[in-house]
All heavy atoms as atom14 arrays in JSON, in Angstrom:
{
  "sequence": "LRLSCAASGSTFDYYAIGWFRQFPGEDREGVSCISA",
  "atom14_mask": [
    [1, 1, 1, 1, 1, 1, 1, 1, 0, 0, 0, 0, 0, 0],
    [1, 1, 1, 1, 1, 1, 1, 1, 1, 1, 1, 0, 0, 0],
    [1, 1, 1, 1, 1, 1, 1, 1, 0, 0, 0, 0, 0, 0],
    [1, 1, 1, 1, 1, 1, 0, 0, 0, 0, 0, 0, 0, 0],
    [1, 1, 1, 1, 1, 1, 0, 0, 0, 0, 0, 0, 0, 0],
    [1, 1, 1, 1, 1, 0, 0, 0, 0, 0, 0, 0, 0, 0],
    [1, 1, 1, 1, 1, 0, 0, 0, 0, 0, 0, 0, 0, 0],
    [1, 1, 1, 1, 1, 1, 0, 0, 0, 0, 0, 0, 0, 0],
    [1, 1, 1, 1, 0, 0, 0, 0, 0, 0, 0, 0, 0, 0],
    [1, 1, 1, 1, 1, 1, 0, 0, 0, 0, 0, 0, 0, 0],
    [1, 1, 1, 1, 1, 1, 1, 0, 0, 0, 0, 0, 0, 0],
    [1, 1, 1, 1, 1, 1, 1, 1, 1, 1, 1, 0, 0, 0],
    [1, 1, 1, 1, 1, 1, 1, 1, 0, 0, 0, 0, 0, 0],
    [1, 1, 1, 1, 1, 1, 1, 1, 1, 1, 1, 1, 0, 0],
    [1, 1, 1, 1, 1, 1, 1, 1, 1, 1, 1, 1, 0, 0],
    [1, 1, 1, 1, 1, 0, 0, 0, 0, 0, 0, 0, 0, 0],
    [1, 1, 1, 1, 1, 1, 1, 1, 0, 0, 0, 0, 0, 0],
    [1, 1, 1, 1, 0, 0, 0, 0, 0, 0, 0, 0, 0, 0],
    [1, 1, 1, 1, 1, 1, 1, 1, 1, 1, 1, 1, 1, 1],
    [1, 1, 1, 1, 1, 1, 1, 1, 1, 1, 1, 0, 0, 0],
    [1, 1, 1, 1, 1, 1, 1, 1, 1, 1, 1, 0, 0, 0],
    [1, 1, 1, 1, 1, 1, 1, 1, 1, 0, 0, 0, 0, 0],
    [1, 1, 1, 1, 1, 1, 1, 1, 1, 1, 1, 0, 0, 0],
    [1, 1, 1, 1, 1, 1, 1, 0, 0, 0, 0, 0, 0, 0],
    [1, 1, 1, 1, 0, 0, 0, 0, 0, 0, 0, 0, 0, 0],
    [1, 1, 1, 1, 1, 1, 1, 1, 1, 0, 0, 0, 0, 0],
    [1, 1, 1, 1, 1, 1, 1, 1, 0, 0, 0, 0, 0, 0],
    [1, 1, 1, 1, 1, 1, 1, 1, 1, 1, 1, 0, 0, 0],
    [1, 1, 1, 1, 1, 1, 1, 1, 1, 0, 0, 0, 0, 0],
    [1, 1, 1, 1, 0, 0, 0, 0, 0, 0, 0, 0, 0, 0],
    [1, 1, 1, 1, 1, 1, 1, 0, 0, 0, 0, 0, 0, 0],
    [1, 1, 1, 1, 1, 1, 0, 0, 0, 0, 0, 0, 0, 0],
    [1, 1, 1, 1, 1, 1, 0, 0, 0, 0, 0, 0, 0, 0],
    [1, 1, 1, 1, 1, 1, 1, 1, 0, 0, 0, 0, 0, 0],
    [1, 1, 1, 1, 1, 1, 0, 0, 0, 0, 0, 0, 0, 0],
    [1, 1, 1, 1, 1, 0, 0, 0, 0, 0, 0, 0, 0, 0]
  ],
  "atom14_positions": [
    [[138.12, 126.99, 118.79], [138.56, 125.67, 118.91], [140.07, 125.55, 118.58], [140.62, 126.4, 117.71], [137.86, 124.65, 117.95], [136.42, 124.17, 118.23], [135.86, 123.39, 117.07], [136.48, 123.32, 119.55], [0.0, 0.0, 0.0], [0.0, 0.0, 0.0], [0.0, 0.0, 0.0], [0.0, 0.0, 0.0], [0.0, 0.0, 0.0], [0.0, 0.0, 0.0]],
    [[140.78, 124.58, 119.16], [142.18, 124.33, 118.76], [142.13, 122.9, 118.15], [141.89, 121.88, 118.94], [143.05, 124.45, 119.8], [144.53, 124.42, 119.41], [145.58, 124.71, 120.44], [145.77, 123.47, 121.37], [146.79, 123.37, 122.15], [147.77, 124.34, 122.01], [146.94, 122.22, 123.0], [0.0, 0.0, 0.0], [0.0, 0.0, 0.0], [0.0, 0.0, 0.0]],
    [[142.51, 122.67, 116.93], [142.75, 121.4, 116.37], [144.2, 120.96, 116.48], [145.15, 121.83, 116.45], [142.32, 121.42, 114.84], [140.93, 121.86, 114.47], [140.68, 121.7, 112.98], [139.87, 121.14, 115.36], [0.0, 0.0, 0.0], [0.0, 0.0, 0.0], [0.0, 0.0, 0.0], [0.0, 0.0, 0.0], [0.0, 0.0, 0.0], [0.0, 0.0, 0.0]],
    [[144.42, 119.71, 116.61], [145.78, 119.12, 116.75], [145.86, 118.01, 115.64], [145.05, 117.37, 115.43], [146.0, 118.46, 118.13], [145.8, 119.35, 119.19], [0.0, 0.0, 0.0], [0.0, 0.0, 0.0], [0.0, 0.0, 0.0], [0.0, 0.0, 0.0], [0.0, 0.0, 0.0], [0.0, 0.0, 0.0], [0.0, 0.0, 0.0], [0.0, 0.0, 0.0]],
    [[147.15, 118.08, 115.24], [147.57, 117.05, 114.26], [148.82, 116.39, 114.82], [149.89, 117.0, 114.7], [147.83, 117.78, 112.92], [148.51, 116.69, 111.63], [0.0, 0.0, 0.0], [0.0, 0.0, 0.0], [0.0, 0.0, 0.0], [0.0, 0.0, 0.0], [0.0, 0.0, 0.0], [0.0, 0.0, 0.0], [0.0, 0.0, 0.0], [0.0, 0.0, 0.0]],
    [[148.68, 115.17, 115.29], [149.86, 114.47, 115.91], [150.5, 113.5, 114.77], [149.74, 112.73, 114.13], [149.36, 113.65, 117.05], [0.0, 0.0, 0.0], [0.0, 0.0, 0.0], [0.0, 0.0, 0.0], [0.0, 0.0, 0.0], [0.0, 0.0, 0.0], [0.0, 0.0, 0.0], [0.0, 0.0, 0.0], [0.0, 0.0, 0.0], [0.0, 0.0, 0.0]],
    [[151.8, 113.55, 114.68], [152.5, 112.85, 113.7], [153.35, 111.72, 114.36], [153.96, 111.82, 115.44], [153.36, 113.72, 112.84], [0.0, 0.0, 0.0], [0.0, 0.0, 0.0], [0.0, 0.0, 0.0], [0.0, 0.0, 0.0], [0.0, 0.0, 0.0], [0.0, 0.0, 0.0], [0.0, 0.0, 0.0], [0.0, 0.0, 0.0], [0.0, 0.0, 0.0]],
    [[153.51, 110.65, 113.65], [154.24, 109.5, 114.09], [154.77, 108.71, 112.92], [154.32, 108.86, 111.83], [153.56, 108.51, 115.11], [152.48, 107.92, 114.37], [0.0, 0.0, 0.0], [0.0, 0.0, 0.0], [0.0, 0.0, 0.0], [0.0, 0.0, 0.0], [0.0, 0.0, 0.0], [0.0, 0.0, 0.0], [0.0, 0.0, 0.0], [0.0, 0.0, 0.0]],
    [[155.91, 107.99, 113.16], [156.42, 107.06, 112.08], [157.46, 107.63, 111.2], [158.0, 106.87, 110.43], [0.0, 0.0, 0.0], [0.0, 0.0, 0.0], [0.0, 0.0, 0.0], [0.0, 0.0, 0.0], [0.0, 0.0, 0.0], [0.0, 0.0, 0.0], [0.0, 0.0, 0.0], [0.0, 0.0, 0.0], [0.0, 0.0, 0.0], [0.0, 0.0, 0.0]],
    [[157.88, 108.79, 111.29], [158.94, 109.3, 110.55], [159.4, 110.61, 111.14], [158.83, 111.12, 112.14], [158.35, 109.61, 109.07], [159.45, 109.94, 108.23], [0.0, 0.0, 0.0], [0.0, 0.0, 0.0], [0.0, 0.0, 0.0], [0.0, 0.0, 0.0], [0.0, 0.0, 0.0], [0.0, 0.0, 0.0], [0.0, 0.0, 0.0], [0.0, 0.0, 0.0]],
    [[160.38, 111.13, 110.65], [160.96, 112.41, 111.2], [160.11, 113.59, 110.96], [160.09, 114.03, 109.7], [162.4, 112.65, 110.7], [163.18, 111.43, 110.83], [163.08, 113.77, 111.34], [0.0, 0.0, 0.0], [0.0, 0.0, 0.0], [0.0, 0.0, 0.0], [0.0, 0.0, 0.0], [0.0, 0.0, 0.0], [0.0, 0.0, 0.0], [0.0, 0.0, 0.0]],
    [[159.38, 114.01, 111.93], [158.56, 115.09, 111.79], [159.09, 116.36, 111.25], [158.43, 117.22, 110.55], [157.79, 115.24, 113.2], [156.8, 116.42, 113.16], [155.54, 116.23, 112.44], [156.9, 117.44, 113.88], [154.69, 117.27, 112.55], [156.03, 118.52, 113.98], [154.88, 118.39, 113.33], [0.0, 0.0, 0.0], [0.0, 0.0, 0.0], [0.0, 0.0, 0.0]],
    [[160.34, 116.64, 111.68], [160.84, 117.95, 111.33], [161.16, 118.19, 109.79], [161.32, 119.29, 109.52], [162.33, 118.0, 112.09], [162.23, 118.08, 113.56], [161.14, 118.02, 114.09], [163.3, 118.11, 114.26], [0.0, 0.0, 0.0], [0.0, 0.0, 0.0], [0.0, 0.0, 0.0], [0.0, 0.0, 0.0], [0.0, 0.0, 0.0], [0.0, 0.0, 0.0]],
    [[161.08, 117.06, 109.12], [161.34, 117.24, 107.69], [160.14, 117.77, 106.92], [160.23, 118.04, 105.73], [161.83, 115.98, 107.02], [163.14, 115.48, 107.61], [163.46, 114.11, 107.44], [164.0, 116.38, 108.15], [164.7, 113.7, 107.91], [165.34, 116.01, 108.64], [165.56, 114.63, 108.53], [166.93, 114.18, 108.87], [0.0, 0.0, 0.0], [0.0, 0.0, 0.0]],
    [[158.9, 117.64, 107.5], [157.69, 117.83, 106.81], [156.97, 119.18, 106.98], [156.94, 119.75, 108.0], [156.76, 116.78, 107.12], [157.12, 115.37, 106.79], [157.99, 114.61, 107.49], [156.67, 114.85, 105.49], [158.41, 113.33, 107.12], [157.09, 113.59, 105.03], [158.0, 112.83, 105.92], [158.35, 111.61, 105.48], [0.0, 0.0, 0.0], [0.0, 0.0, 0.0]],
    [[156.64, 119.76, 105.88], [155.57, 120.84, 105.95], [154.23, 120.27, 106.17], [153.94, 119.04, 105.88], [155.46, 121.65, 104.62], [0.0, 0.0, 0.0], [0.0, 0.0, 0.0], [0.0, 0.0, 0.0], [0.0, 0.0, 0.0], [0.0, 0.0, 0.0], [0.0, 0.0, 0.0], [0.0, 0.0, 0.0], [0.0, 0.0, 0.0], [0.0, 0.0, 0.0]],
    [[153.38, 120.94, 107.01], [152.09, 120.5, 107.33], [151.11, 121.5, 106.91], [151.24, 122.78, 107.06], [151.95, 120.41, 108.9], [153.06, 119.44, 109.45], [150.6, 119.93, 109.25], [152.83, 118.04, 108.98], [0.0, 0.0, 0.0], [0.0, 0.0, 0.0], [0.0, 0.0, 0.0], [0.0, 0.0, 0.0], [0.0, 0.0, 0.0], [0.0, 0.0, 0.0]],
    [[150.01, 120.94, 106.29], [148.91, 121.82, 105.81], [147.7, 121.39, 106.61], [147.46, 120.14, 106.87], [0.0, 0.0, 0.0], [0.0, 0.0, 0.0], [0.0, 0.0, 0.0], [0.0, 0.0, 0.0], [0.0, 0.0, 0.0], [0.0, 0.0, 0.0], [0.0, 0.0, 0.0], [0.0, 0.0, 0.0], [0.0, 0.0, 0.0], [0.0, 0.0, 0.0]],
    [[146.74, 122.34, 106.76], [145.42, 122.13, 107.28], [144.44, 122.35, 106.08], [144.51, 123.44, 105.37], [145.01, 122.94, 108.43], [145.56, 122.45, 109.68], [146.66, 122.96, 110.44], [145.01, 121.44, 110.49], [146.83, 122.31, 111.53], [145.82, 121.36, 111.64], [143.85, 120.61, 110.39], [145.56, 120.48, 112.72], [143.63, 119.67, 111.4], [144.42, 119.64, 112.55]],
    [[143.41, 121.48, 105.9], [142.56, 121.58, 104.81], [141.15, 121.31, 105.41], [141.01, 120.76, 106.45], [142.86, 120.55, 103.73], [144.17, 120.71, 103.15], [145.35, 120.15, 103.76], [144.51, 121.5, 102.14], [146.63, 120.23, 103.39], [145.76, 121.59, 101.54], [146.85, 121.1, 102.22], [0.0, 0.0, 0.0], [0.0, 0.0, 0.0], [0.0, 0.0, 0.0]],
    [[140.1, 121.65, 104.68], [138.72, 121.44, 105.01], [137.87, 121.08, 103.83], [138.23, 121.36, 102.82], [138.14, 122.59, 105.84], [137.95, 123.91, 105.03], [137.51, 124.98, 105.95], [137.43, 126.24, 105.28], [137.13, 127.42, 105.88], [136.95, 127.38, 107.23], [137.0, 128.54, 105.16], [0.0, 0.0, 0.0], [0.0, 0.0, 0.0], [0.0, 0.0, 0.0]],
    [[136.89, 120.31, 104.19], [136.1, 119.76, 103.0], [134.51, 120.03, 103.5], [134.13, 119.54, 104.53], [136.18, 118.33, 102.8], [135.56, 117.83, 101.6], [136.09, 116.44, 101.21], [136.73, 115.71, 101.93], [135.85, 116.14, 99.88], [0.0, 0.0, 0.0], [0.0, 0.0, 0.0], [0.0, 0.0, 0.0], [0.0, 0.0, 0.0], [0.0, 0.0, 0.0]],
    [[133.84, 120.85, 102.63], [132.41, 121.03, 102.85], [131.64, 119.84, 102.11], [132.14, 119.27, 101.17], [131.98, 122.3, 102.28], [132.75, 123.46, 102.85], [133.68, 124.2, 102.06], [132.7, 123.91, 104.28], [134.42, 125.22, 102.57], [133.39, 124.96, 104.73], [134.27, 125.64, 103.9], [0.0, 0.0, 0.0], [0.0, 0.0, 0.0], [0.0, 0.0, 0.0]],
    [[130.55, 119.59, 102.65], [129.69, 118.5, 102.02], [129.57, 118.74, 100.46], [129.14, 119.75, 100.04], [128.41, 118.55, 102.67], [128.69, 119.06, 104.05], [129.81, 120.06, 103.79], [0.0, 0.0, 0.0], [0.0, 0.0, 0.0], [0.0, 0.0, 0.0], [0.0, 0.0, 0.0], [0.0, 0.0, 0.0], [0.0, 0.0, 0.0], [0.0, 0.0, 0.0]],
    [[129.89, 117.61, 99.81], [129.79, 117.74, 98.18], [130.81, 118.47, 97.53], [130.63, 118.72, 96.27], [0.0, 0.0, 0.0], [0.0, 0.0, 0.0], [0.0, 0.0, 0.0], [0.0, 0.0, 0.0], [0.0, 0.0, 0.0], [0.0, 0.0, 0.0], [0.0, 0.0, 0.0], [0.0, 0.0, 0.0], [0.0, 0.0, 0.0], [0.0, 0.0, 0.0]],
    [[131.77, 118.96, 98.31], [132.87, 119.86, 97.55], [134.3, 119.25, 97.8], [134.48, 118.31, 98.57], [132.85, 121.26, 98.21], [131.48, 121.96, 97.94], [131.55, 123.41, 98.38], [132.64, 123.91, 98.59], [130.55, 124.02, 98.48], [0.0, 0.0, 0.0], [0.0, 0.0, 0.0], [0.0, 0.0, 0.0], [0.0, 0.0, 0.0], [0.0, 0.0, 0.0]],
    [[135.16, 119.72, 97.01], [136.52, 119.14, 97.13], [137.22, 119.83, 98.27], [136.73, 120.81, 98.77], [137.36, 119.58, 95.85], [136.84, 118.89, 94.55], [136.35, 117.74, 94.7], [137.1, 119.41, 93.47], [0.0, 0.0, 0.0], [0.0, 0.0, 0.0], [0.0, 0.0, 0.0], [0.0, 0.0, 0.0], [0.0, 0.0, 0.0], [0.0, 0.0, 0.0]],
    [[138.19, 119.29, 98.75], [139.02, 119.82, 99.89], [139.66, 121.07, 99.55], [140.13, 121.25, 98.22], [140.02, 118.91, 100.31], [139.61, 117.65, 101.07], [140.55, 116.72, 101.48], [140.03, 115.37, 101.83], [140.74, 114.31, 102.3], [142.03, 114.42, 102.36], [140.09, 113.24, 102.6], [0.0, 0.0, 0.0], [0.0, 0.0, 0.0], [0.0, 0.0, 0.0]],
    [[139.63, 121.93, 100.4], [140.34, 123.3, 100.21], [141.32, 123.57, 101.13], [141.22, 123.09, 102.39], [139.36, 124.39, 100.03], [138.63, 124.78, 101.4], [137.87, 126.12, 101.39], [137.22, 126.37, 100.31], [137.77, 126.79, 102.46], [0.0, 0.0, 0.0], [0.0, 0.0, 0.0], [0.0, 0.0, 0.0], [0.0, 0.0, 0.0], [0.0, 0.0, 0.0]],
    [[142.36, 124.36, 100.86], [143.39, 124.61, 101.76], [142.95, 125.61, 102.67], [142.14, 126.64, 102.43], [0.0, 0.0, 0.0], [0.0, 0.0, 0.0], [0.0, 0.0, 0.0], [0.0, 0.0, 0.0], [0.0, 0.0, 0.0], [0.0, 0.0, 0.0], [0.0, 0.0, 0.0], [0.0, 0.0, 0.0], [0.0, 0.0, 0.0], [0.0, 0.0, 0.0]],
    [[143.46, 125.54, 104.02], [143.08, 126.48, 105.1], [144.4, 127.3, 105.5], [144.47, 128.47, 105.62], [142.51, 125.8, 106.23], [142.25, 126.75, 107.41], [141.2, 125.19, 105.89], [0.0, 0.0, 0.0], [0.0, 0.0, 0.0], [0.0, 0.0, 0.0], [0.0, 0.0, 0.0], [0.0, 0.0, 0.0], [0.0, 0.0, 0.0], [0.0, 0.0, 0.0]],
    [[145.43, 126.47, 105.8], [146.69, 127.0, 106.31], [147.77, 126.1, 106.09], [147.54, 124.91, 105.96], [146.45, 127.32, 107.79], [147.61, 127.95, 108.34], [0.0, 0.0, 0.0], [0.0, 0.0, 0.0], [0.0, 0.0, 0.0], [0.0, 0.0, 0.0], [0.0, 0.0, 0.0], [0.0, 0.0, 0.0], [0.0, 0.0, 0.0], [0.0, 0.0, 0.0]],
    [[148.99, 126.49, 106.23], [150.11, 125.59, 106.24], [151.24, 126.18, 106.93], [151.36, 127.39, 107.27], [150.6, 125.27, 104.83], [151.3, 126.65, 103.88], [0.0, 0.0, 0.0], [0.0, 0.0, 0.0], [0.0, 0.0, 0.0], [0.0, 0.0, 0.0], [0.0, 0.0, 0.0], [0.0, 0.0, 0.0], [0.0, 0.0, 0.0], [0.0, 0.0, 0.0]],
    [[152.3, 125.35, 107.32], [153.44, 125.81, 108.08], [154.66, 125.04, 107.58], [154.39, 123.76, 107.36], [153.25, 125.68, 109.48], [154.45, 126.29, 110.22], [153.06, 124.36, 109.95], [154.2, 126.45, 111.75], [0.0, 0.0, 0.0], [0.0, 0.0, 0.0], [0.0, 0.0, 0.0], [0.0, 0.0, 0.0], [0.0, 0.0, 0.0], [0.0, 0.0, 0.0]],
    [[155.73, 125.69, 107.21], [156.88, 124.95, 106.67], [157.55, 124.04, 107.78], [157.44, 124.3, 109.03], [157.82, 125.98, 106.13], [158.39, 126.86, 107.13], [0.0, 0.0, 0.0], [0.0, 0.0, 0.0], [0.0, 0.0, 0.0], [0.0, 0.0, 0.0], [0.0, 0.0, 0.0], [0.0, 0.0, 0.0], [0.0, 0.0, 0.0], [0.0, 0.0, 0.0]],
    [[158.45, 123.32, 107.36], [159.12, 122.34, 108.24], [159.96, 123.12, 109.35], [159.94, 122.68, 110.49], [160.08, 121.45, 107.49], [0.0, 0.0, 0.0], [0.0, 0.0, 0.0], [0.0, 0.0, 0.0], [0.0, 0.0, 0.0], [0.0, 0.0, 0.0], [0.0, 0.0, 0.0], [0.0, 0.0, 0.0], [0.0, 0.0, 0.0], [0.0, 0.0, 0.0]]
  ]
}
């Protein structure tokens, strides 16, 4: 699968983006990230 994260409302280039996931009953955990 390919997930997409579309940003709007501010200058996207300034932001690092992270992907996280949450299993039922658990806290969110980090999956991956990419710097600005």
